[in-house]
Amino acid sequence: MDLAEGRVLAQWAQQAPREAWLLRGGDALVTPRSLSGEFRRYVSELTGVPCEQTAIIEVPPAGAVPLAQAVREAGLVDRVAAHVRQAGTALLPTALDASAVAFARDLGLAVHPYGTVDEAAAALPVTMLLNTKAGFRRAAERLGMRLPAGRVCRRPEVEGVVRQLLAQYEQVVVKPDRSAGGHGMRFLSRKDVGGSRLVLDEVGGPQGTWVVEEHVAAVASVSIQMENTTSGSRALFSGAMHTERGSFTGYVSPLPTSCAPVAGELEKWGLELGRHLADHGYLGPFGLDALVDADGVPYAGESNVRRTATTTPHAMVTRLTAAASGTARPAWAVARRNSRAAFGLAEALDRLRSHRLAFDPERGEGVVFYAGAPPDGRSWRYAVVAAHADGVGERERLLVEALELV
């Protein structure tokens, strides 16, 4: 996403504490958001990694700049460098971008999972291209994926393209090329345009690229999360997204029974995209999103060539359930919902325990507040883990009562 979208990026950065679930002994987390001692102890109790064996480097706000630049401006480079002397240390960025590669080069680090920083740099062009709506659409067409009818155009052309497509379809969706989480998207019908001029969000600037597509009346939004390694592409997990007007609000894995028939095609597309990325040097995680219409037909939507909103929660669930019996392939869900009243992490955990919902490492089931306590004390991000999907649904219903969620 463009750095000009500073307000939205700042909101997303509130999720940064979740990366604490990846920490192992000797690791350091460089984060734009503070992690309370209370949250660190909570993570430590569940992962078994003592707090004193990890380092948290909090970077003060520096405006709409890459985190690596904010580290430099805050004078924290030496502090970060002090943690890279251990053999085998590598940089694990949320997304592979030019600033992360340059920072790794300055520190003499490899970028995980690449063998060298030069290999990571070579993958930048395809990473940047496939993280755009237009770049994905062009690649998907070449790879034979099913796509909604649509066109790529510059901002001055958008209104004309919208009117052309609305002559054929009841509704269209207008997407800025560089955006995520539904930011800047518009859903338009014929009555929305009429004789008036079309007013778009400022995302992308006056000459930015946009994608206009037929709106698929979806009964489900699904995704598959993949990984490219030196051995090839493989599927990690799949699931259904909860969205509101195109914005991500939650996720459940594995795919619900109603979506199971699309699993094969979704994985086929993911593997094809993985091979395309590998041909251009990309290693690491990526995701493919799709919409499923009322006839059960999937339409490819976009790719996210980075760690996504579900990558870390999945890694957390896999880690926390590794030693538990009966949860070899657990079902899980993540969501964000508001409580009626504001309270802190201690009270929230007390509520979980009193309702017997707190995550139990021995059983590998329960609720985890994976991002800690929200700043407002109300907008809680949580993960629900169980041996099967019905168990996830039942625990989430009980969680609504325990936290008085609305």
Protein backbone atom coordinates (compact mmCIF):
# COMPACT_ATOMS: atom_id res chain seq x y z
CA MET A 1 0.00 0.00 0.00
CA ASP A 2 1.18 3.53 -0.70
CA LEU A 3 2.87 5.25 2.24
CA ALA A 4 0.60 8.25 1.60
CA GLU A 5 -2.15 6.21 3.28
CA GLY A 6 -0.56 6.89 6.64
CA ARG A 7 -3.76 6.92 8.69
CA VAL A 8 -4.81 3.46 7.53
CA LEU A 9 -1.30 2.07 7.91
CA ALA A 10 -1.20 3.36 11.48
CA GLN A 11 -4.44 1.50 12.23
CA TRP A 12 -3.07 -1.73 10.81
CA ALA A 13 0.13 -1.33 12.83
CA GLN A 14 -1.94 -1.88 15.98
CA GLN A 15 -1.75 -5.60 15.15
CA ALA A 16 2.07 -5.61 15.34
CA PRO A 17 2.19 -7.18 18.84
CA ARG A 18 0.91 -10.47 17.37
CA GLU A 19 4.41 -11.13 15.97
CA ALA A 20 5.47 -11.91 19.56
CA TRP A 21 4.05 -15.41 19.02
CA LEU A 22 6.89 -16.11 16.57
CA LEU A 23 9.65 -15.34 19.08
CA ARG A 24 12.07 -18.04 20.16
CA GLY A 25 15.12 -17.78 22.39
CA GLY A 26 17.62 -15.22 21.07
CA ASP A 27 15.12 -13.50 18.74
CA ALA A 28 14.47 -9.77 18.63
CA LEU A 29 11.21 -8.15 17.51
CA VAL A 30 11.40 -4.67 15.98
CA THR A 31 7.92 -3.21 16.31
CA PRO A 32 6.07 0.09 15.76
CA ARG A 33 3.75 -0.69 18.69
CA SER A 34 4.61 -1.23 22.33
CA LEU A 35 4.10 -4.60 23.98
CA SER A 36 3.06 -4.42 27.62
CA GLY A 37 4.86 -6.52 30.20
CA GLU A 38 1.53 -8.16 30.93
CA PHE A 39 1.15 -9.28 27.30
CA ARG A 40 4.75 -10.48 27.08
CA ARG A 41 4.27 -12.64 30.17
CA TYR A 42 1.05 -14.03 28.68
CA VAL A 43 2.88 -15.01 25.48
CA SER A 44 5.77 -16.44 27.47
CA GLU A 45 3.49 -18.63 29.58
CA LEU A 46 1.93 -20.21 26.48
CA THR A 47 5.06 -20.54 24.32
CA GLY A 48 7.43 -21.52 27.14
CA VAL A 49 10.04 -18.96 26.06
CA PRO A 50 11.14 -16.77 29.00
CA CYS A 51 10.81 -13.02 28.37
CA GLU A 52 14.46 -12.46 29.22
CA GLN A 53 15.49 -14.68 26.31
CA THR A 54 13.91 -12.35 23.73
CA ALA A 55 14.24 -8.65 22.96
CA ILE A 56 11.56 -6.14 22.02
CA ILE A 57 12.77 -3.02 20.22
CA GLU A 58 9.98 -0.45 20.11
CA VAL A 59 10.29 2.16 17.37
CA PRO A 60 8.69 5.57 18.05
CA PRO A 61 6.34 7.06 15.43
CA ALA A 62 8.11 8.70 12.49
CA GLY A 63 5.23 9.44 10.16
CA ALA A 64 4.43 7.57 6.96
CA VAL A 65 7.83 5.96 6.38
CA PRO A 66 9.03 2.35 6.16
CA LEU A 67 9.85 0.83 9.54
CA ALA A 68 13.54 0.51 8.61
CA GLN A 69 13.69 4.27 8.06
CA ALA A 70 11.93 4.89 11.38
CA VAL A 71 14.60 2.73 13.07
CA ARG A 72 17.32 4.93 11.56
CA GLU A 73 15.58 8.17 12.48
CA ALA A 74 15.16 6.99 16.07
CA GLY A 75 18.86 6.13 16.34
CA LEU A 76 18.12 2.46 17.00
CA VAL A 77 20.31 0.87 14.32
CA ASP A 78 23.12 0.03 16.78
CA ARG A 79 20.62 -1.53 19.17
CA VAL A 80 19.22 -3.71 16.40
CA ALA A 81 22.73 -4.55 15.20
CA ALA A 82 23.63 -5.80 18.68
CA HIS A 83 21.19 -8.69 18.13
CA VAL A 84 22.59 -9.85 14.79
CA ARG A 85 25.97 -11.09 15.98
CA GLN A 86 24.61 -14.58 16.61
CA ALA A 87 25.43 -16.94 13.73
CA GLY A 88 22.46 -17.73 11.50
CA THR A 89 20.50 -14.60 12.35
CA ALA A 90 18.25 -13.40 9.52
CA LEU A 91 15.67 -10.67 8.96
CA LEU A 92 12.03 -11.79 8.79
CA PRO A 93 9.99 -8.88 7.33
CA THR A 94 6.21 -8.79 7.24
CA ALA A 95 6.56 -8.01 3.53
CA LEU A 96 9.57 -8.17 1.26
CA ASP A 97 10.20 -4.62 0.05
CA ALA A 98 13.13 -2.43 -0.95
CA SER A 99 13.52 -0.88 2.52
CA ALA A 100 13.72 -4.29 4.21
CA VAL A 101 16.31 -5.50 1.70
CA ALA A 102 18.41 -2.34 2.14
CA PHE A 103 18.22 -2.63 5.93
CA ALA A 104 19.32 -6.27 5.83
CA ARG A 105 22.20 -5.33 3.55
CA ASP A 106 23.31 -2.57 5.94
CA LEU A 107 23.34 -5.05 8.83
CA GLY A 108 25.03 -7.83 6.86
CA LEU A 109 21.99 -10.11 7.23
CA ALA A 110 20.23 -12.53 4.96
CA VAL A 111 16.47 -12.08 4.47
CA HIS A 112 14.59 -15.22 5.52
CA PRO A 113 14.17 -17.60 3.71
CA TYR A 114 16.69 -16.47 1.07
CA GLY A 115 20.27 -17.65 1.19
CA THR A 116 21.63 -14.16 0.51
CA VAL A 117 20.34 -10.61 0.48
CA ASP A 118 21.04 -10.46 -3.27
CA GLU A 119 18.60 -13.33 -3.83
CA ALA A 120 15.96 -11.41 -1.89
CA ALA A 121 16.63 -8.28 -3.93
CA ALA A 122 16.19 -10.25 -7.16
CA ALA A 123 12.66 -11.23 -6.07
CA LEU A 124 11.54 -7.64 -5.43
CA PRO A 125 10.10 -6.91 -8.92
CA VAL A 126 7.69 -9.85 -8.94
CA THR A 127 6.79 -9.26 -5.28
CA MET A 128 5.84 -5.65 -5.92
CA LEU A 129 3.95 -6.50 -9.13
CA LEU A 130 1.88 -9.36 -7.69
CA ASN A 131 0.94 -7.23 -4.67
CA THR A 132 -1.02 -4.96 -7.03
CA LYS A 133 -4.53 -5.65 -8.32
CA ALA A 134 -3.52 -5.04 -11.95
CA GLY A 135 -0.35 -7.13 -11.70
CA PHE A 136 -2.27 -10.05 -10.27
CA ARG A 137 -5.02 -9.78 -12.88
CA ARG A 138 -2.54 -9.94 -15.75
CA ALA A 139 -0.70 -12.92 -14.21
CA ALA A 140 -3.95 -14.74 -13.42
CA GLU A 141 -5.12 -14.36 -17.01
CA ARG A 142 -1.88 -15.89 -18.29
CA LEU A 143 -2.15 -18.73 -15.76
CA GLY A 144 -5.72 -19.55 -16.80
CA MET A 145 -7.53 -18.60 -13.60
CA ARG A 146 -11.20 -17.72 -13.75
CA LEU A 147 -11.64 -13.96 -13.23
CA PRO A 148 -14.59 -11.57 -13.09
CA ALA A 149 -14.97 -9.56 -16.30
CA GLY A 150 -13.05 -6.32 -15.92
CA ARG A 151 -10.48 -3.82 -17.09
CA VAL A 152 -7.35 -2.12 -15.81
CA CYS A 153 -7.26 1.65 -16.35
CA ARG A 154 -5.86 4.95 -15.10
CA ARG A 155 -7.91 7.13 -12.76
CA PRO A 156 -9.13 9.58 -15.48
CA GLU A 157 -10.58 6.61 -17.39
CA VAL A 158 -12.35 4.98 -14.46
CA GLU A 159 -15.71 6.72 -14.87
CA GLY A 160 -15.98 5.77 -18.54
CA VAL A 161 -15.03 2.15 -17.83
CA VAL A 162 -17.56 1.99 -14.98
CA ARG A 163 -20.34 3.18 -17.28
CA GLN A 164 -19.31 0.70 -20.00
CA LEU A 165 -19.35 -2.26 -17.62
CA LEU A 166 -22.60 -1.17 -16.00
CA ALA A 167 -24.19 -1.40 -19.44
CA GLN A 168 -23.51 -5.16 -19.24
CA TYR A 169 -23.62 -5.91 -15.50
CA GLU A 170 -25.91 -4.88 -12.64
CA GLN A 171 -23.07 -3.87 -10.33
CA VAL A 172 -19.30 -3.29 -10.49
CA VAL A 173 -16.50 -3.02 -7.97
CA VAL A 174 -13.81 -0.34 -8.33
CA LYS A 175 -10.43 -1.16 -6.75
CA PRO A 176 -7.33 1.01 -6.35
CA ASP A 177 -4.31 -0.87 -7.67
CA ARG A 178 -2.32 -0.65 -4.43
CA SER A 179 -4.61 -1.28 -1.52
CA ALA A 180 -5.42 -3.93 1.06
CA GLY A 181 -8.15 -4.77 3.52
CA GLY A 182 -10.80 -3.27 1.24
CA HIS A 183 -9.45 0.27 1.65
CA GLY A 184 -10.61 2.56 -1.16
CA MET A 185 -12.90 0.00 -2.80
CA ARG A 186 -16.29 1.11 -4.17
CA PHE A 187 -19.31 -1.01 -5.06
CA LEU A 188 -21.44 0.75 -7.69
CA SER A 189 -24.76 0.04 -9.40
CA ARG A 190 -26.43 1.89 -12.25
CA LYS A 191 -28.41 4.06 -9.86
CA ASP A 192 -25.19 5.14 -8.11
CA VAL A 193 -23.76 6.80 -11.21
CA GLY A 194 -26.79 8.00 -13.17
CA GLY A 195 -26.06 11.41 -14.61
CA SER A 196 -23.74 12.57 -11.81
CA ARG A 197 -19.95 12.46 -11.86
CA LEU A 198 -18.23 9.59 -10.12
CA VAL A 199 -16.25 10.62 -7.03
CA LEU A 200 -13.47 8.23 -6.03
CA ASP A 201 -11.32 7.92 -2.94
CA GLU A 202 -7.98 9.77 -3.13
CA VAL A 203 -6.09 6.46 -2.96
CA GLY A 204 -3.45 6.23 -5.68
CA GLY A 205 -3.38 9.90 -6.67
CA PRO A 206 -4.74 11.61 -9.81
CA GLN A 207 -2.97 9.27 -12.27
CA GLY A 208 -3.06 6.06 -10.26
CA THR A 209 -4.01 2.67 -11.69
CA TRP A 210 -7.41 1.18 -10.89
CA VAL A 211 -9.24 -2.06 -11.65
CA VAL A 212 -12.94 -2.07 -12.52
CA GLU A 213 -14.65 -5.47 -12.40
CA GLU A 214 -18.05 -7.07 -12.61
CA HIS A 215 -19.29 -7.51 -9.05
CA VAL A 216 -19.57 -11.21 -8.24
CA ALA A 217 -22.55 -11.84 -5.96
CA ALA A 218 -20.50 -13.98 -3.62
CA VAL A 219 -21.83 -16.40 -1.04
CA ALA A 220 -18.32 -16.85 0.36
CA SER A 221 -14.89 -15.23 0.30
CA VAL A 222 -12.15 -17.84 0.51
CA SER A 223 -8.37 -17.94 0.48
CA ILE A 224 -5.50 -20.36 0.35
CA GLN A 225 -2.19 -19.59 1.99
CA MET A 226 0.87 -21.00 0.29
CA GLU A 227 4.62 -21.13 0.75
CA ASN A 228 7.48 -21.26 -1.74
CA THR A 229 10.60 -23.08 -0.56
CA THR A 230 13.66 -24.28 -2.41
CA SER A 231 11.81 -27.62 -2.74
CA GLY A 232 8.78 -26.07 -4.48
CA SER A 233 5.34 -24.65 -3.69
CA ARG A 234 3.03 -26.12 -1.06
CA ALA A 235 -0.32 -25.30 0.51
CA LEU A 236 -0.21 -24.38 4.19
CA PHE A 237 -3.91 -23.89 4.96
CA SER A 238 -7.13 -22.57 3.50
CA GLY A 239 -10.26 -21.04 4.92
CA ALA A 240 -13.15 -18.63 4.57
CA MET A 241 -12.88 -14.92 5.21
CA HIS A 242 -15.48 -12.81 6.94
CA THR A 243 -15.74 -9.49 5.14
CA GLU A 244 -17.83 -6.36 5.32
CA ARG A 245 -18.04 -4.33 2.09
CA GLY A 246 -14.78 -5.92 0.97
CA SER A 247 -12.94 -5.35 4.26
CA PHE A 248 -11.44 -8.29 6.18
CA THR A 249 -13.07 -8.82 9.58
CA GLY A 250 -12.20 -12.44 10.39
CA TYR A 251 -11.23 -15.90 9.18
CA VAL A 252 -12.07 -19.55 9.82
CA SER A 253 -9.95 -22.55 8.86
CA PRO A 254 -10.28 -25.12 7.42
CA LEU A 255 -12.78 -24.33 4.66
CA PRO A 256 -16.38 -24.80 5.82
CA THR A 257 -18.21 -27.78 4.35
CA SER A 258 -20.22 -25.48 2.07
CA CYS A 259 -16.98 -24.29 0.43
CA ALA A 260 -15.21 -27.65 0.32
CA PRO A 261 -15.96 -28.27 -3.41
CA VAL A 262 -13.73 -25.33 -4.43
CA ALA A 263 -10.71 -26.58 -2.46
CA GLY A 264 -9.16 -28.46 -5.38
CA GLU A 265 -9.36 -25.57 -7.83
CA LEU A 266 -8.15 -23.12 -5.20
CA GLU A 267 -5.05 -25.24 -4.52
CA LYS A 268 -4.44 -25.71 -8.26
CA TRP A 269 -4.43 -21.92 -8.72
CA GLY A 270 -2.19 -21.48 -5.68
CA LEU A 271 0.36 -23.96 -7.03
CA GLU A 272 0.34 -22.31 -10.46
CA LEU A 273 0.88 -18.90 -8.89
CA GLY A 274 3.62 -20.36 -6.70
CA ARG A 275 5.48 -21.73 -9.71
CA HIS A 276 5.16 -18.35 -11.45
CA LEU A 277 6.58 -16.59 -8.40
CA ALA A 278 9.36 -19.18 -8.09
CA ASP A 279 10.32 -18.67 -11.73
CA HIS A 280 11.00 -15.05 -10.80
CA GLY A 281 12.96 -15.90 -7.65
CA TYR A 282 10.33 -15.50 -4.90
CA LEU A 283 10.57 -17.62 -1.74
CA GLY A 284 8.33 -17.37 1.29
CA PRO A 285 4.61 -17.07 2.10
CA PHE A 286 1.87 -15.79 -0.17
CA GLY A 287 -1.90 -15.98 -0.35
CA LEU A 288 -4.57 -16.17 -3.05
CA ASP A 289 -8.09 -14.82 -2.43
CA ALA A 290 -11.20 -15.83 -4.33
CA LEU A 291 -14.98 -15.32 -4.35
CA VAL A 292 -17.50 -18.16 -4.62
CA ASP A 293 -20.82 -17.41 -6.33
CA ALA A 294 -24.23 -18.94 -5.65
CA ASP A 295 -23.52 -21.76 -8.13
CA GLY A 296 -20.37 -22.73 -6.25
CA VAL A 297 -18.06 -21.32 -8.94
CA PRO A 298 -14.86 -19.66 -7.65
CA TYR A 299 -13.39 -16.47 -9.16
CA ALA A 300 -9.80 -15.46 -8.41
CA GLY A 301 -9.59 -12.05 -6.75
CA GLU A 302 -6.06 -11.04 -5.73
CA SER A 303 -2.73 -12.28 -4.42
CA ASN A 304 -0.92 -11.14 -1.29
CA VAL A 305 2.79 -11.89 -1.65
CA ARG A 306 3.74 -11.36 1.99
CA ARG A 307 2.84 -12.48 5.48
CA THR A 308 -0.92 -11.90 5.61
CA ALA A 309 -3.41 -11.28 8.41
CA THR A 310 -3.68 -15.05 8.90
CA THR A 311 -0.04 -16.15 8.52
CA THR A 312 1.07 -15.39 12.08
CA PRO A 313 -2.14 -16.63 13.76
CA HIS A 314 -1.76 -19.92 11.87
CA ALA A 315 1.88 -20.19 12.98
CA MET A 316 0.77 -19.45 16.54
CA VAL A 317 -1.94 -22.13 16.45
CA THR A 318 0.46 -24.69 14.97
CA ARG A 319 3.03 -23.91 17.65
CA LEU A 320 0.64 -23.93 20.60
CA THR A 321 -1.04 -27.20 19.59
CA ALA A 322 2.12 -29.10 18.58
CA ALA A 323 2.34 -31.05 21.84
CA ALA A 324 -1.39 -31.47 22.44
CA SER A 325 -3.23 -34.72 21.83
CA GLY A 326 -6.08 -34.87 19.33
CA THR A 327 -5.33 -31.60 17.54
CA ALA A 328 -2.98 -32.70 14.74
CA ARG A 329 -4.88 -30.45 12.31
CA PRO A 330 -6.87 -28.12 14.57
CA ALA A 331 -9.70 -25.91 13.42
CA TRP A 332 -9.36 -22.24 14.29
CA ALA A 333 -10.83 -18.81 13.72
CA VAL A 334 -9.69 -15.23 14.21
CA ALA A 335 -11.88 -12.16 14.52
CA ARG A 336 -12.16 -8.70 16.00
CA ARG A 337 -15.28 -7.69 17.91
CA ASN A 338 -16.15 -5.00 20.43
CA SER A 339 -17.07 -5.56 24.07
CA ARG A 340 -19.81 -3.47 25.66
CA ALA A 341 -17.46 -2.19 28.37
CA ALA A 342 -13.74 -1.44 28.33
CA PHE A 343 -11.35 -3.59 30.37
CA GLY A 344 -7.75 -4.74 30.42
CA LEU A 345 -6.02 -8.01 29.59
CA ALA A 346 -6.11 -9.32 33.17
CA GLU A 347 -9.89 -8.95 33.43
CA ALA A 348 -10.38 -10.40 29.94
CA LEU A 349 -8.33 -13.48 30.90
CA ASP A 350 -10.25 -13.81 34.17
CA ARG A 351 -13.48 -13.84 32.16
CA LEU A 352 -12.09 -16.58 29.93
CA ARG A 353 -11.03 -18.69 32.90
CA SER A 354 -14.37 -18.30 34.66
CA HIS A 355 -16.11 -19.56 31.50
CA ARG A 356 -13.49 -22.30 30.98
CA LEU A 357 -12.49 -20.76 27.64
CA ALA A 358 -8.83 -19.87 28.24
CA PHE A 359 -6.42 -21.73 25.96
CA ASP A 360 -5.29 -25.02 27.50
CA PRO A 361 -1.89 -26.17 26.14
CA GLU A 362 -2.52 -29.78 27.20
CA ARG A 363 -5.77 -30.04 25.24
CA GLY A 364 -4.66 -27.64 22.49
CA GLU A 365 -7.99 -25.82 22.62
CA GLY A 366 -9.33 -22.48 23.81
CA VAL A 367 -9.23 -18.74 23.19
CA VAL A 368 -6.08 -16.64 22.76
CA PHE A 369 -5.89 -12.84 22.73
CA TYR A 370 -3.19 -12.87 20.10
CA ALA A 371 -2.62 -9.10 19.91
CA GLY A 372 -2.96 -8.34 23.61
CA ALA A 373 -5.32 -5.75 25.06
CA PRO A 374 -6.61 -3.16 22.54
CA PRO A 375 -5.80 0.52 23.19
CA ASP A 376 -9.51 1.30 23.64
CA GLY A 377 -10.11 -1.73 25.88
CA ARG A 378 -13.03 -2.79 23.68
CA SER A 379 -11.98 -3.89 20.17
CA TRP A 380 -10.62 -7.35 20.99
CA ARG A 381 -8.69 -9.48 18.51
CA TYR A 382 -8.90 -13.14 19.40
CA ALA A 383 -8.21 -16.62 18.08
CA VAL A 384 -10.42 -19.60 18.89
CA VAL A 385 -8.83 -23.06 18.58
CA ALA A 386 -10.49 -26.48 18.76
CA ALA A 387 -10.09 -30.01 17.46
CA HIS A 388 -12.89 -29.48 14.94
CA ALA A 389 -15.02 -26.71 13.41
CA ASP A 390 -18.06 -27.33 15.63
CA GLY A 391 -15.85 -26.81 18.68
CA VAL A 392 -14.67 -23.46 17.31
CA GLY A 393 -18.25 -22.32 16.74
CA GLU A 394 -19.36 -23.37 20.22
CA ARG A 395 -16.44 -21.64 21.94
CA GLU A 396 -16.99 -18.46 19.95
CA ARG A 397 -20.64 -18.38 21.02
CA LEU A 398 -19.57 -18.74 24.66
CA LEU A 399 -16.94 -16.03 24.15
CA VAL A 400 -19.66 -13.58 23.10
CA GLU A 401 -21.26 -14.12 26.51
CA ALA A 402 -17.99 -14.04 28.45
CA LEU A 403 -16.74 -10.74 27.00
CA GLU A 404 -20.22 -9.26 26.36
CA LEU A 405 -19.37 -8.82 22.68
CA VAL A 406 -21.66 -6.86 20.40
